[in-house]
C-alpha atoms as a PDB file:
ATOM      1  CA  UNK A   1     -33.789 -50.771  -6.811  1.00  0.00           C
ATOM      2  CA  UNK A   2     -34.458 -50.360  -3.098  1.00  0.00           C
ATOM      3  CA  UNK A   3     -32.687 -51.991  -0.178  1.00  0.00           C
ATOM      4  CA  UNK A   4     -34.780 -54.699   1.474  1.00  0.00           C
ATOM      5  CA  UNK A   5     -35.175 -52.478   4.558  1.00  0.00           C
ATOM      6  CA  UNK A   6     -36.502 -49.498   2.538  1.00  0.00           C
ATOM      7  CA  UNK A   7     -40.318 -49.164   2.958  1.00  0.00           C
ATOM      8  CA  UNK A   8     -40.588 -48.505  -0.797  1.00  0.00           C
ATOM      9  CA  UNK A   9     -39.269 -51.999  -1.574  1.00  0.00           C
ATOM     10  CA  UNK A  10     -42.850 -53.305  -1.375  1.00  0.00           C
ATOM     11  CA  UNK A  11     -44.130 -50.913  -4.057  1.00  0.00           C
ATOM     12  CA  UNK A  12     -45.117 -52.239  -7.467  1.00  0.00           C
ATOM     13  CA  UNK A  13     -43.792 -55.766  -7.103  1.00  0.00           C
ATOM     14  CA  UNK A  14     -45.168 -56.680 -10.528  1.00  0.00           C
ATOM     15  CA  UNK A  15     -45.590 -53.443 -12.482  1.00  0.00           C
ATOM     16  CA  UNK A  16     -47.156 -53.426 -15.898  1.00  0.00           C
ATOM     17  CA  UNK A  17     -44.626 -53.028 -18.673  1.00  0.00           C
ATOM     18  CA  UNK A  18     -44.549 -49.430 -19.887  1.00  0.00           C
ATOM     19  CA  UNK A  19     -44.349 -48.571 -23.590  1.00  0.00           C
ATOM     20  CA  UNK A  20     -40.845 -47.957 -24.939  1.00  0.00           C
ATOM     21  CA  UNK A  21     -40.244 -44.181 -24.984  1.00  0.00           C
ATOM     22  CA  UNK A  22     -39.783 -42.488 -28.343  1.00  0.00           C
ATOM     23  CA  UNK A  23     -38.508 -39.206 -26.843  1.00  0.00           C
ATOM     24  CA  UNK A  24     -37.218 -37.936 -23.504  1.00  0.00           C
ATOM     25  CA  UNK A  25     -37.701 -34.721 -21.549  1.00  0.00           C
ATOM     26  CA  UNK A  26     -34.565 -33.441 -19.863  1.00  0.00           C
ATOM     27  CA  UNK A  27     -34.245 -32.804 -16.142  1.00  0.00           C
ATOM     28  CA  UNK A  28     -34.455 -29.272 -14.735  1.00  0.00           C
ATOM     29  CA  UNK A  29     -32.280 -27.897 -11.947  1.00  0.00           C
ATOM     30  CA  UNK A  30     -33.303 -24.626 -10.317  1.00  0.00           C
ATOM     31  CA  UNK A  31     -30.521 -23.423  -8.005  1.00  0.00           C
ATOM     32  CA  UNK A  32     -32.252 -20.520  -6.277  1.00  0.00           C
ATOM     33  CA  UNK A  33     -29.124 -19.652  -4.264  1.00  0.00           C
ATOM     34  CA  UNK A  34     -27.219 -18.987  -7.489  1.00  0.00           C
ATOM     35  CA  UNK A  35     -29.782 -16.979  -9.473  1.00  0.00           C
ATOM     36  CA  UNK A  36     -31.598 -13.671  -8.893  1.00  0.00           C
ATOM     37  CA  UNK A  37     -35.232 -13.865  -7.804  1.00  0.00           C
ATOM     38  CA  UNK A  38     -37.937 -13.602 -10.444  1.00  0.00           C
ATOM     39  CA  UNK A  39     -39.840 -11.176  -8.239  1.00  0.00           C
ATOM     40  CA  UNK A  40     -38.466  -8.825  -5.611  1.00  0.00           C
ATOM     41  CA  UNK A  41     -40.139  -6.280  -3.353  1.00  0.00           C
ATOM     42  CA  UNK A  42     -39.360  -4.623  -0.031  1.00  0.00           C
ATOM     43  CA  UNK A  43     -41.039  -7.530   1.768  1.00  0.00           C
ATOM     44  CA  UNK A  44     -40.271 -10.619  -0.332  1.00  0.00           C
ATOM     45  CA  UNK A  45     -38.027 -12.263  -2.915  1.00  0.00           C
ATOM     46  CA  UNK A  46     -39.494 -15.142  -4.921  1.00  0.00           C
ATOM     47  CA  UNK A  47     -37.946 -17.676  -7.280  1.00  0.00           C
ATOM     48  CA  UNK A  48     -40.022 -19.814  -9.683  1.00  0.00           C
ATOM     49  CA  UNK A  49     -39.453 -23.025 -11.558  1.00  0.00           C
ATOM     50  CA  UNK A  50     -41.759 -25.528 -13.219  1.00  0.00           C
ATOM     51  CA  UNK A  51     -42.073 -29.030 -14.608  1.00  0.00           C
ATOM     52  CA  UNK A  52     -44.778 -30.567 -16.741  1.00  0.00           C
ATOM     53  CA  UNK A  53     -47.493 -30.443 -14.065  1.00  0.00           C
ATOM     54  CA  UNK A  54     -46.303 -28.253 -11.189  1.00  0.00           C
ATOM     55  CA  UNK A  55     -44.898 -24.823 -10.388  1.00  0.00           C
ATOM     56  CA  UNK A  56     -42.676 -24.296  -7.344  1.00  0.00           C
ATOM     57  CA  UNK A  57     -42.509 -20.771  -5.893  1.00  0.00           C
ATOM     58  CA  UNK A  58     -39.826 -20.379  -3.217  1.00  0.00           C
ATOM     59  CA  UNK A  59     -39.977 -17.146  -1.203  1.00  0.00           C
ATOM     60  CA  UNK A  60     -37.921 -15.429   1.449  1.00  0.00           C
ATOM     61  CA  UNK A  61     -40.459 -13.185   3.135  1.00  0.00           C
ATOM     62  CA  UNK A  62     -40.552 -10.529   5.827  1.00  0.00           C
ATOM     63  CA  UNK A  63     -43.356 -10.062   8.306  1.00  0.00           C
ATOM     64  CA  UNK A  64     -46.268  -8.332   6.605  1.00  0.00           C
ATOM     65  CA  UNK A  65     -45.645  -9.774   3.136  1.00  0.00           C
ATOM     66  CA  UNK A  66     -48.910 -10.550   1.348  1.00  0.00           C
ATOM     67  CA  UNK A  67     -49.565 -13.015  -1.481  1.00  0.00           C
ATOM     68  CA  UNK A  68     -52.933 -13.028  -3.201  1.00  0.00           C
ATOM     69  CA  UNK A  69     -54.640 -15.222  -5.765  1.00  0.00           C
ATOM     70  CA  UNK A  70     -57.818 -14.179  -7.531  1.00  0.00           C
ATOM     71  CA  UNK A  71     -59.836 -16.783  -9.396  1.00  0.00           C
ATOM     72  CA  UNK A  72     -57.311 -19.514  -8.603  1.00  0.00           C
ATOM     73  CA  UNK A  73     -58.261 -22.418 -10.847  1.00  0.00           C
ATOM     74  CA  UNK A  74     -57.503 -25.282  -8.435  1.00  0.00           C
ATOM     75  CA  UNK A  75     -56.245 -26.221  -4.985  1.00  0.00           C
ATOM     76  CA  UNK A  76     -52.691 -25.205  -4.080  1.00  0.00           C
ATOM     77  CA  UNK A  77     -50.256 -25.791  -1.228  1.00  0.00           C
ATOM     78  CA  UNK A  78     -48.375 -23.624   1.263  1.00  0.00           C
ATOM     79  CA  UNK A  79     -45.316 -25.223   2.871  1.00  0.00           C
ATOM     80  CA  UNK A  80     -43.670 -23.487   5.852  1.00  0.00           C
ATOM     81  CA  UNK A  81     -40.423 -25.291   6.773  1.00  0.00           C
ATOM     82  CA  UNK A  82     -39.588 -23.420   9.997  1.00  0.00           C
ATOM     83  CA  UNK A  83     -41.567 -23.543  13.240  1.00  0.00           C
ATOM     84  CA  UNK A  84     -40.611 -19.889  13.791  1.00  0.00           C
ATOM     85  CA  UNK A  85     -42.486 -18.672  10.707  1.00  0.00           C
ATOM     86  CA  UNK A  86     -46.240 -18.146  10.945  1.00  0.00           C
ATOM     87  CA  UNK A  87     -48.905 -16.951   8.556  1.00  0.00           C
ATOM     88  CA  UNK A  88     -52.574 -16.062   8.218  1.00  0.00           C
ATOM     89  CA  UNK A  89     -54.554 -17.602   5.371  1.00  0.00           C
ATOM     90  CA  UNK A  90     -57.845 -16.216   4.080  1.00  0.00           C
ATOM     91  CA  UNK A  91     -59.826 -18.037   1.419  1.00  0.00           C
ATOM     92  CA  UNK A  92     -63.425 -17.761   0.274  1.00  0.00           C
ATOM     93  CA  UNK A  93     -64.604 -16.098   3.486  1.00  0.00           C
ATOM     94  CA  UNK A  94     -62.619 -18.355   5.822  1.00  0.00           C
ATOM     95  CA  UNK A  95     -59.610 -17.205   7.895  1.00  0.00           C
ATOM     96  CA  UNK A  96     -57.107 -19.476   9.606  1.00  0.00           C
ATOM     97  CA  UNK A  97     -53.918 -18.871  11.595  1.00  0.00           C
ATOM     98  CA  UNK A  98     -51.211 -21.187  10.271  1.00  0.00           C
ATOM     99  CA  UNK A  99     -48.352 -22.328  12.466  1.00  0.00           C
ATOM    100  CA  UNK A 100     -44.856 -22.919  11.178  1.00  0.00           C
ATOM    101  CA  UNK A 101     -43.442 -26.323  10.271  1.00  0.00           C
ATOM    102  CA  UNK A 102     -46.639 -27.177   8.447  1.00  0.00           C
ATOM    103  CA  UNK A 103     -48.244 -27.914   5.106  1.00  0.00           C
ATOM    104  CA  UNK A 104     -51.505 -26.149   4.246  1.00  0.00           C
ATOM    105  CA  UNK A 105     -53.979 -26.878   1.463  1.00  0.00           C
ATOM    106  CA  UNK A 106     -55.666 -23.757   0.073  1.00  0.00           C
ATOM    107  CA  UNK A 107     -58.911 -23.988  -1.936  1.00  0.00           C
ATOM    108  CA  UNK A 108     -59.594 -22.679  -5.427  1.00  0.00           C
ATOM    109  CA  UNK A 109     -61.010 -19.194  -5.833  1.00  0.00           C
ATOM    110  CA  UNK A 110     -59.729 -16.079  -4.095  1.00  0.00           C
ATOM    111  CA  UNK A 111     -57.167 -16.324  -1.315  1.00  0.00           C
ATOM    112  CA  UNK A 112     -54.740 -14.142   0.611  1.00  0.00           C
ATOM    113  CA  UNK A 113     -51.638 -15.208   2.555  1.00  0.00           C
ATOM    114  CA  UNK A 114     -50.116 -12.835   5.106  1.00  0.00           C
ATOM    115  CA  UNK A 115     -46.727 -13.720   6.554  1.00  0.00           C
ATOM    116  CA  UNK A 116     -46.654 -12.773  10.222  1.00  0.00           C
ATOM    117  CA  UNK A 117     -43.021 -13.563  11.072  1.00  0.00           C
ATOM    118  CA  UNK A 118     -39.953 -13.523   8.823  1.00  0.00           C
ATOM    119  CA  UNK A 119     -38.973 -16.745   7.089  1.00  0.00           C
ATOM    120  CA  UNK A 120     -39.096 -18.885   3.991  1.00  0.00           C
ATOM    121  CA  UNK A 121     -42.262 -20.272   2.441  1.00  0.00           C
ATOM    122  CA  UNK A 122     -42.877 -22.527  -0.544  1.00  0.00           C
ATOM    123  CA  UNK A 123     -46.064 -22.402  -2.619  1.00  0.00           C
ATOM    124  CA  UNK A 124     -46.985 -25.219  -4.983  1.00  0.00           C
ATOM    125  CA  UNK A 125     -49.366 -24.796  -7.914  1.00  0.00           C
ATOM    126  CA  UNK A 126     -50.330 -26.863 -10.917  1.00  0.00           C
ATOM    127  CA  UNK A 127     -49.342 -25.567 -14.332  1.00  0.00           C
ATOM    128  CA  UNK A 128     -53.022 -24.838 -14.952  1.00  0.00           C
ATOM    129  CA  UNK A 129     -52.114 -21.434 -13.428  1.00  0.00           C
ATOM    130  CA  UNK A 130     -50.868 -19.978 -16.701  1.00  0.00           C
ATOM    131  CA  UNK A 131     -49.879 -16.626 -15.175  1.00  0.00           C
ATOM    132  CA  UNK A 132     -47.444 -18.377 -12.838  1.00  0.00           C
ATOM    133  CA  UNK A 133     -46.032 -20.568 -15.608  1.00  0.00           C
ATOM    134  CA  UNK A 134     -45.006 -17.371 -17.374  1.00  0.00           C
ATOM    135  CA  UNK A 135     -42.893 -16.378 -14.352  1.00  0.00           C
ATOM    136  CA  UNK A 136     -40.794 -19.553 -14.488  1.00  0.00           C
ATOM    137  CA  UNK A 137     -37.480 -18.983 -16.336  1.00  0.00           C
ATOM    138  CA  UNK A 138     -37.689 -22.511 -17.799  1.00  0.00           C
ATOM    139  CA  UNK A 139     -41.258 -22.148 -19.069  1.00  0.00           C
ATOM    140  CA  UNK A 140     -40.270 -22.428 -22.735  1.00  0.00           C
ATOM    141  CA  UNK A 141     -38.789 -25.875 -22.087  1.00  0.00           C
ATOM    142  CA  UNK A 142     -42.300 -27.262 -21.696  1.00  0.00           C
ATOM    143  CA  UNK A 143     -43.822 -25.695 -24.793  1.00  0.00           C
ATOM    144  CA  UNK A 144     -44.340 -29.143 -26.326  1.00  0.00           C
ATOM    145  CA  UNK A 145     -44.949 -31.044 -23.078  1.00  0.00           C
ATOM    146  CA  UNK A 146     -43.267 -34.164 -21.752  1.00  0.00           C
ATOM    147  CA  UNK A 147     -44.165 -37.052 -24.096  1.00  0.00           C
ATOM    148  CA  UNK A 148     -44.009 -39.599 -21.258  1.00  0.00           C
ATOM    149  CA  UNK A 149     -46.537 -37.943 -18.924  1.00  0.00           C
ATOM    150  CA  UNK A 150     -50.313 -38.326 -19.454  1.00  0.00           C
ATOM    151  CA  UNK A 151     -52.591 -35.267 -19.318  1.00  0.00           C
ATOM    152  CA  UNK A 152     -53.022 -33.889 -15.809  1.00  0.00           C
ATOM    153  CA  UNK A 153     -56.165 -34.968 -13.960  1.00  0.00           C
ATOM    154  CA  UNK A 154     -57.013 -33.696 -10.473  1.00  0.00           C
ATOM    155  CA  UNK A 155     -58.071 -36.138  -7.767  1.00  0.00           C
ATOM    156  CA  UNK A 156     -61.549 -35.952  -6.189  1.00  0.00           C
ATOM    157  CA  UNK A 157     -62.814 -33.011  -4.161  1.00  0.00           C
ATOM    158  CA  UNK A 158     -62.451 -33.457  -0.360  1.00  0.00           C
ATOM    159  CA  UNK A 159     -65.331 -35.301   1.270  1.00  0.00           C
ATOM    160  CA  UNK A 160     -66.632 -32.170   3.025  1.00  0.00           C
ATOM    161  CA  UNK A 161     -65.685 -29.715   0.273  1.00  0.00           C
ATOM    162  CA  UNK A 162     -62.765 -27.371  -0.267  1.00  0.00           C
ATOM    163  CA  UNK A 163     -61.533 -25.396   2.735  1.00  0.00           C
ATOM    164  CA  UNK A 164     -58.265 -24.351   4.366  1.00  0.00           C
ATOM    165  CA  UNK A 165     -56.628 -27.460   5.829  1.00  0.00           C
ATOM    166  CA  UNK A 166     -53.363 -27.198   7.752  1.00  0.00           C
ATOM    167  CA  UNK A 167     -51.252 -30.106   8.997  1.00  0.00           C
ATOM    168  CA  UNK A 168     -48.244 -30.095  11.307  1.00  0.00           C
ATOM    169  CA  UNK A 169     -45.048 -31.676  10.043  1.00  0.00           C
ATOM    170  CA  UNK A 170     -44.151 -32.629  13.608  1.00  0.00           C
ATOM    171  CA  UNK A 171     -45.011 -36.291  13.071  1.00  0.00           C
ATOM    172  CA  UNK A 172     -43.025 -39.035  14.825  1.00  0.00           C
ATOM    173  CA  UNK A 173     -41.093 -41.436  12.635  1.00  0.00           C
ATOM    174  CA  UNK A 174     -42.770 -44.824  12.300  1.00  0.00           C
ATOM    175  CA  UNK A 175     -41.244 -48.131  11.217  1.00  0.00           C
ATOM    176  CA  UNK A 176     -42.523 -49.220   7.821  1.00  0.00           C
ATOM    177  CA  UNK A 177     -43.790 -45.776   6.822  1.00  0.00           C
ATOM    178  CA  UNK A 178     -41.868 -43.730   4.262  1.00  0.00           C
ATOM    179  CA  UNK A 179     -41.452 -40.060   5.161  1.00  0.00           C
ATOM    180  CA  UNK A 180     -44.341 -37.780   6.107  1.00  0.00           C
ATOM    181  CA  UNK A 181     -46.812 -37.720   3.237  1.00  0.00           C
ATOM    182  CA  UNK A 182     -49.756 -35.364   2.737  1.00  0.00           C
ATOM    183  CA  UNK A 183     -51.925 -34.955  -0.345  1.00  0.00           C
ATOM    184  CA  UNK A 184     -54.646 -32.720  -1.674  1.00  0.00           C
ATOM    185  CA  UNK A 185     -56.633 -32.909  -4.909  1.00  0.00           C
ATOM    186  CA  UNK A 186     -53.704 -31.673  -7.006  1.00  0.00           C
ATOM    187  CA  UNK A 187     -50.388 -32.233  -5.205  1.00  0.00           C
ATOM    188  CA  UNK A 188     -48.610 -34.662  -2.890  1.00  0.00           C
ATOM    189  CA  UNK A 189     -45.891 -33.574  -0.430  1.00  0.00           C
ATOM    190  CA  UNK A 190     -43.449 -36.041   1.134  1.00  0.00           C
ATOM    191  CA  UNK A 191     -41.425 -34.288   3.823  1.00  0.00           C
ATOM    192  CA  UNK A 192     -38.632 -36.833   4.073  1.00  0.00           C
ATOM    193  CA  UNK A 193     -36.903 -37.436   7.404  1.00  0.00           C
ATOM    194  CA  UNK A 194     -33.875 -35.110   7.689  1.00  0.00           C
ATOM    195  CA  UNK A 195     -30.381 -36.564   7.427  1.00  0.00           C
ATOM    196  CA  UNK A 196     -27.294 -35.596   9.405  1.00  0.00           C
ATOM    197  CA  UNK A 197     -24.184 -35.814   7.266  1.00  0.00           C
ATOM    198  CA  UNK A 198     -23.610 -37.545   3.928  1.00  0.00           C
ATOM    199  CA  UNK A 199     -25.681 -40.529   2.852  1.00  0.00           C
ATOM    200  CA  UNK A 200     -23.911 -43.876   2.904  1.00  0.00           C
ATOM    201  CA  UNK A 201     -22.647 -44.371  -0.664  1.00  0.00           C
ATOM    202  CA  UNK A 202     -23.399 -48.087  -0.331  1.00  0.00           C
ATOM    203  CA  UNK A 203     -27.069 -47.469   0.521  1.00  0.00           C
ATOM    204  CA  UNK A 204     -28.503 -45.539  -2.412  1.00  0.00           C
ATOM    205  CA  UNK A 205     -31.905 -46.240  -3.977  1.00  0.00           C
ATOM    206  CA  UNK A 206     -31.854 -45.950  -7.789  1.00  0.00           C
ATOM    207  CA  UNK A 207     -35.355 -46.337  -9.234  1.00  0.00           C
ATOM    208  CA  UNK A 208     -37.574 -44.880 -11.929  1.00  0.00           C
ATOM    209  CA  UNK A 209     -41.166 -43.817 -12.547  1.00  0.00           C
ATOM    210  CA  UNK A 210     -42.911 -44.800 -15.774  1.00  0.00           C
ATOM    211  CA  UNK A 211     -45.197 -41.806 -16.222  1.00  0.00           C
ATOM    212  CA  UNK A 212     -44.861 -39.123 -13.532  1.00  0.00           C
ATOM    213  CA  UNK A 213     -42.331 -36.536 -12.441  1.00  0.00           C
ATOM    214  CA  UNK A 214     -40.585 -36.162  -9.110  1.00  0.00           C
ATOM    215  CA  UNK A 215     -39.708 -32.697  -7.833  1.00  0.00           C
ATOM    216  CA  UNK A 216     -36.935 -32.850  -5.230  1.00  0.00           C
ATOM    217  CA  UNK A 217     -36.884 -29.657  -3.168  1.00  0.00           C
ATOM    218  CA  UNK A 218     -33.707 -29.183  -1.113  1.00  0.00           C
ATOM    219  CA  UNK A 219     -34.318 -26.951   1.909  1.00  0.00           C
ATOM    220  CA  UNK A 220     -31.062 -27.570   3.802  1.00  0.00           C
ATOM    221  CA  UNK A 221     -27.659 -29.022   2.999  1.00  0.00           C
ATOM    222  CA  UNK A 222     -26.511 -30.230  -0.397  1.00  0.00           C
ATOM    223  CA  UNK A 223     -27.552 -33.052  -2.732  1.00  0.00           C
ATOM    224  CA  UNK A 224     -26.150 -34.752  -5.795  1.00  0.00           C
ATOM    225  CA  UNK A 225     -28.947 -35.948  -8.059  1.00  0.00           C
ATOM    226  CA  UNK A 226     -27.819 -38.919 -10.156  1.00  0.00           C
ATOM    227  CA  UNK A 227     -29.871 -39.563 -13.315  1.00  0.00           C
ATOM    228  CA  UNK A 228     -29.598 -42.157 -16.079  1.00  0.00           C
ATOM    229  CA  UNK A 229     -31.957 -42.475 -19.030  1.00  0.00           C
ATOM    230  CA  UNK A 230     -32.662 -45.941 -20.461  1.00  0.00           C
ATOM    231  CA  UNK A 231     -31.219 -47.024 -23.765  1.00  0.00           C
ATOM    232  CA  UNK A 232     -33.888 -47.645 -26.372  1.00  0.00           C
ATOM    233  CA  UNK A 233     -33.620 -49.089 -29.903  1.00  0.00           C
ATOM    234  CA  UNK A 234     -33.464 -45.488 -31.174  1.00  0.00           C
ATOM    235  CA  UNK A 235     -29.948 -44.372 -30.313  1.00  0.00           C
ATOM    236  CA  UNK A 236     -30.637 -40.818 -31.496  1.00  0.00           C
ATOM    237  CA  UNK A 237     -32.594 -40.094 -28.299  1.00  0.00           C
ATOM    238  CA  UNK A 238     -30.026 -41.488 -25.851  1.00  0.00           C
ATOM    239  CA  UNK A 239     -28.881 -39.059 -23.163  1.00  0.00           C
ATOM    240  CA  UNK A 240     -25.715 -38.803 -21.086  1.00  0.00           C
ATOM    241  CA  UNK A 241     -25.846 -39.607 -17.374  1.00  0.00           C
ATOM    242  CA  UNK A 242     -26.173 -36.592 -15.087  1.00  0.00           C
ATOM    243  CA  UNK A 243     -24.690 -36.026 -11.638  1.00  0.00           C
ATOM    244  CA  UNK A 244     -26.070 -32.619 -10.661  1.00  0.00           C
ATOM    245  CA  UNK A 245     -24.922 -30.977  -7.445  1.00  0.00           C
ATOM    246  CA  UNK A 246     -27.636 -28.776  -5.946  1.00  0.00           C
ATOM    247  CA  UNK A 247     -27.203 -26.940  -2.666  1.00  0.00           C
ATOM    248  CA  UNK A 248     -30.205 -25.556  -0.785  1.00  0.00           C
ATOM    249  CA  UNK A 249     -32.499 -23.958  -1.691  1.00  0.00           C
ATOM    250  CA  UNK A 250     -33.026 -25.701  -5.009  1.00  0.00           C
ATOM    251  CA  UNK A 251     -35.383 -27.907  -6.999  1.00  0.00           C
ATOM    252  CA  UNK A 252     -34.557 -30.835  -9.268  1.00  0.00           C
ATOM    253  CA  UNK A 253     -37.360 -31.815 -11.651  1.00  0.00           C
ATOM    254  CA  UNK A 254     -36.800 -35.478 -12.499  1.00  0.00           C
ATOM    255  CA  UNK A 255     -38.724 -36.674 -15.570  1.00  0.00           C
ATOM    256  CA  UNK A 256     -39.893 -40.207 -16.300  1.00  0.00           C
ATOM    257  CA  UNK A 257     -38.523 -42.740 -16.988  1.00  0.00           C
ATOM    258  CA  UNK A 258     -35.065 -41.580 -15.865  1.00  0.00           C
ATOM    259  CA  UNK A 259     -33.435 -43.826 -13.264  1.00  0.00           C
ATOM    260  CA  UNK A 260     -32.558 -41.576 -10.333  1.00  0.00           C
ATOM    261  CA  UNK A 261     -31.287 -41.422  -6.795  1.00  0.00           C
ATOM    262  CA  UNK A 262     -30.160 -38.488  -4.642  1.00  0.00           C
ATOM    263  CA  UNK A 263     -27.308 -38.477  -2.166  1.00  0.00           C
ATOM    264  CA  UNK A 264     -27.048 -35.828   0.531  1.00  0.00           C
ATOM    265  CA  UNK A 265     -23.513 -34.494   0.808  1.00  0.00           C
ATOM    266  CA  UNK A 266     -23.334 -31.777   3.477  1.00  0.00           C
ATOM    267  CA  UNK A 267     -21.689 -32.599   6.831  1.00  0.00           C
ATOM    268  CA  UNK A 268     -24.588 -31.104   8.817  1.00  0.00           C
ATOM    269  CA  UNK A 269     -28.355 -31.052   8.275  1.00  0.00           C
ATOM    270  CA  UNK A 270     -29.735 -32.170   4.912  1.00  0.00           C
ATOM    271  CA  UNK A 271     -33.461 -31.797   4.225  1.00  0.00           C
ATOM    272  CA  UNK A 272     -35.211 -32.940   1.055  1.00  0.00           C
ATOM    273  CA  UNK A 273     -38.907 -32.736   0.222  1.00  0.00           C
ATOM    274  CA  UNK A 274     -40.300 -34.803  -2.652  1.00  0.00           C
ATOM    275  CA  UNK A 275     -43.272 -33.371  -4.528  1.00  0.00           C
ATOM    276  CA  UNK A 276     -45.662 -34.932  -7.044  1.00  0.00           C
ATOM    277  CA  UNK A 277     -48.583 -33.697  -9.135  1.00  0.00           C
ATOM    278  CA  UNK A 278     -51.103 -35.255  -9.193  1.00  0.00           C
ATOM    279  CA  UNK A 279     -50.705 -37.390  -6.031  1.00  0.00           C
ATOM    280  CA  UNK A 280     -49.001 -40.771  -6.341  1.00  0.00           C
ATOM    281  CA  UNK A 281     -51.367 -43.722  -6.364  1.00  0.00           C
ATOM    282  CA  UNK A 282     -48.751 -46.233  -5.159  1.00  0.00           C
ATOM    283  CA  UNK A 283     -47.986 -44.179  -2.038  1.00  0.00           C
ATOM    284  CA  UNK A 284     -51.710 -43.614  -1.497  1.00  0.00           C
ATOM    285  CA  UNK A 285     -52.463 -47.319  -1.622  1.00  0.00           C
ATOM    286  CA  UNK A 286     -50.091 -48.054   1.265  1.00  0.00           C
ATOM    287  CA  UNK A 287     -52.122 -48.102   4.478  1.00  0.00           C
ATOM    288  CA  UNK A 288     -51.016 -45.388   6.890  1.00  0.00           C
ATOM    289  CA  UNK A 289     -48.563 -43.677   4.567  1.00  0.00           C
ATOM    290  CA  UNK A 290     -50.690 -40.637   3.631  1.00  0.00           C
ATOM    291  CA  UNK A 291     -51.296 -38.892   6.922  1.00  0.00           C
ATOM    292  CA  UNK A 292     -54.349 -36.912   5.808  1.00  0.00           C
ATOM    293  CA  UNK A 293     -55.907 -39.625   3.638  1.00  0.00           C
ATOM    294  CA  UNK A 294     -59.185 -39.373   5.555  1.00  0.00           C
ATOM    295  CA  UNK A 295     -59.701 -35.855   4.168  1.00  0.00           C
ATOM    296  CA  UNK A 296     -58.999 -36.624   0.505  1.00  0.00           C
ATOM    297  CA  UNK A 297     -60.555 -39.602  -1.301  1.00  0.00           C
ATOM    298  CA  UNK A 298     -58.693 -41.457  -4.028  1.00  0.00           C
ATOM    299  CA  UNK A 299     -60.032 -41.627  -7.593  1.00  0.00           C
END
């Protein structure tokens, strides 16, 4: 349920009725600030979490830290939240300097990331990368899969083939457009406009998704994620409401068809990034919403 002024209010005016669920997957909350990293070296500390389709790797890195992938099965994403943090990306014979405050799509195959100035980075992979799934502390929770999510299917290859593609997040706000959305063949990133101070409690946006997850990555501030699962005829699968407080850095994995909304709580800067895998069709069908749509065709 969106406010009339919310750009998402025009989405799915007459959605098809989804089948009644017979089971529910629970939400996942990865509070990286409150848990030890899964990997630690002299140059980097990395935390992992996963959902049904995506792995989030959050890293605090020092200059000189290197991250390599050999035989990477599909396209993945590098998110650099700070303009002060820069990197060099090498992939399949191509090398590109990557500025901070950017999102970069990295092709399948062999790749190497070198962090050139200290800072935080986020890497996003599909769960087709089995070696990375094993590093997620909540991996066992997806042993049977989410019954309400269809099998993962990548979107088409870019029109001119896979290559390193980097996009600045310094995009002016535009009336009628929701956030700053970029997609590749496997993942969609919506770098939502930052908020100063708590969200107006009278202007929340509870809604649900029939068959895809939402990963809400908090990079600054604090958020309360409110979730409510629908009641079905089978009362044995009903779940209690959840009101999960997650400071930054953290990830909330919100499964379908839970009704959800997130309220920022911190008095200063609050920054949330919503992530989806594969990309959302409804966002992609809105003209002008996906800022790099010219590079990536829809199915």
